[in-house]
Amino acid sequence: MSVTLSEKAATEVKKIITEQNLPESTVLRVGVQGGGCSGFSYSLNFDTTTSERDRIIDTFGVKLAVDKKFDPYLDGTVVDFYDGLEKRGFVFNNPNVVKSCGCGSSFQV
C-alpha cells in the first residue's frame, strides 16, 4: 500500500510546484529521519531524481517517491493538508504510530 496523498494535499503540492516553477520531473519525496521527541520525524521535500530503491506512487497526479526502507514506518500513511486558523500545513495520518508527541511532528512505531 505504501504512502498516498489526500486530494487536498495533492492540490497543494501541485500549487507549490507551479508557484516555484519546478521541473516537470519533480517528485514529492516522503521519508523518515531519526530525531524528534518520540524517536522519528517525517521528511517531506521535492526531488528531481529517483533510484531503484524508491517506490514511485502516483496519487491525484502527483508522483511520490518513497525509499523502500521506510515501508515498515510509512505503510498505509496518508499525507493530508490542513488549513485551519491555528495552523496550516501537511499532516501525516500514519496507522503504524504507537506513540507521538504533542507537536505532532515526531512519532514512534
Protein backbone atom coordinates (compact mmCIF):
# COMPACT_ATOMS: atom_id res chain seq x y z
CA MET A 1 0.00 0.00 0.00
CA SER A 2 2.80 2.41 0.95
CA VAL A 3 2.07 6.16 1.12
CA THR A 4 -0.71 8.15 -0.53
CA LEU A 5 -1.80 11.78 -0.67
CA SER A 6 -5.26 13.10 0.01
CA GLU A 7 -6.81 15.06 -2.83
CA LYS A 8 -6.43 18.27 -0.82
CA ALA A 9 -2.70 17.59 -0.23
CA ALA A 10 -2.18 16.78 -3.92
CA THR A 11 -3.80 20.06 -4.90
CA GLU A 12 -1.49 21.95 -2.55
CA VAL A 13 1.61 20.12 -3.84
CA LYS A 14 0.69 20.93 -7.46
CA LYS A 15 0.18 24.58 -6.46
CA ILE A 16 3.64 24.73 -4.84
CA ILE A 17 5.30 23.06 -7.84
CA THR A 18 3.69 25.62 -10.16
CA GLU A 19 4.45 28.62 -7.91
CA GLN A 20 8.10 27.59 -7.53
CA ASN A 21 8.38 26.80 -11.26
CA LEU A 22 9.82 23.35 -10.51
CA PRO A 23 10.69 20.98 -13.39
CA GLU A 24 8.12 18.53 -14.72
CA SER A 25 10.25 15.65 -13.38
CA THR A 26 9.72 16.82 -9.78
CA VAL A 27 8.57 14.21 -7.26
CA LEU A 28 7.48 14.68 -3.67
CA ARG A 29 9.90 12.66 -1.55
CA VAL A 30 8.38 11.29 1.66
CA GLY A 31 10.63 9.78 4.29
CA VAL A 32 11.54 9.26 7.91
CA GLN A 33 14.53 10.50 9.83
CA GLY A 34 15.77 9.88 13.34
CA GLY A 35 15.04 12.60 15.86
CA GLY A 36 12.19 14.41 17.49
CA CYS A 37 10.90 13.80 20.98
CA SER A 38 9.37 10.40 20.07
CA GLY A 39 12.27 8.93 18.08
CA PHE A 40 11.40 9.61 14.43
CA SER A 41 10.18 12.54 12.41
CA TYR A 42 8.76 12.80 8.90
CA SER A 43 10.61 14.34 5.99
CA LEU A 44 8.88 15.89 3.02
CA ASN A 45 10.71 17.61 0.17
CA PHE A 46 10.89 17.94 -3.59
CA ASP A 47 13.37 15.96 -5.66
CA THR A 48 14.10 15.51 -9.36
CA THR A 49 15.92 12.18 -9.12
CA THR A 50 14.75 8.72 -8.11
CA SER A 51 16.51 5.37 -7.78
CA GLU A 52 15.65 1.69 -7.94
CA ARG A 53 15.27 1.78 -4.14
CA ASP A 54 12.31 4.16 -4.49
CA ARG A 55 8.69 3.15 -4.63
CA ILE A 56 7.00 5.62 -7.02
CA ILE A 57 3.32 6.25 -6.35
CA ASP A 58 1.09 8.48 -8.47
CA THR A 59 -1.74 9.98 -6.44
CA PHE A 60 -4.10 12.58 -7.91
CA GLY A 61 -1.45 13.48 -10.50
CA VAL A 62 1.42 13.91 -8.01
CA LYS A 63 4.33 11.48 -8.06
CA LEU A 64 5.55 10.41 -4.62
CA ALA A 65 8.97 8.83 -4.13
CA VAL A 66 9.41 6.71 -1.01
CA ASP A 67 12.59 4.74 -0.31
CA LYS A 68 11.50 1.12 0.27
CA LYS A 69 13.48 1.02 3.53
CA PHE A 70 10.78 3.28 5.03
CA ASP A 71 7.92 0.85 4.26
CA PRO A 72 7.73 -0.51 7.85
CA TYR A 73 7.34 3.05 9.16
CA LEU A 74 5.09 4.56 6.50
CA ASP A 75 2.97 1.73 5.05
CA GLY A 76 -0.65 2.90 4.90
CA THR A 77 0.20 6.54 5.67
CA VAL A 78 -1.95 9.25 4.12
CA VAL A 79 -0.40 12.70 3.78
CA ASP A 80 -3.14 15.31 4.11
CA PHE A 81 -3.18 19.09 4.10
CA TYR A 82 -4.71 21.01 6.98
CA ASP A 83 -5.70 24.64 6.60
CA GLY A 84 -7.14 25.99 9.83
CA LEU A 85 -6.95 29.13 11.93
CA GLU A 86 -4.37 27.75 14.36
CA LYS A 87 -2.09 26.05 11.84
CA ARG A 88 -1.59 25.33 8.16
CA GLY A 89 0.45 22.55 6.61
CA PHE A 90 0.87 18.91 5.73
CA VAL A 91 -0.14 16.29 8.28
CA PHE A 92 0.64 12.58 8.35
CA ASN A 93 -2.09 10.08 9.20
CA ASN A 94 0.04 7.03 9.95
CA PRO A 95 -1.64 3.81 11.17
CA ASN A 96 1.73 2.41 12.37
CA VAL A 97 2.28 5.03 15.08
CA VAL A 98 2.13 3.70 18.63
CA LYS A 99 3.22 6.95 20.27
CA SER A 100 3.54 10.55 19.13
CA CYS A 101 4.44 13.80 20.81
CA GLY A 102 2.31 16.87 21.38
CA CYS A 103 3.84 18.73 18.46
CA GLY A 104 2.62 16.06 16.02
CA SER A 105 5.94 16.08 14.17
CA SER A 106 7.61 13.07 15.73
CA PHE A 107 6.43 9.53 16.29
CA GLN A 108 7.32 6.01 17.42
CA VAL A 109 6.42 2.73 15.69
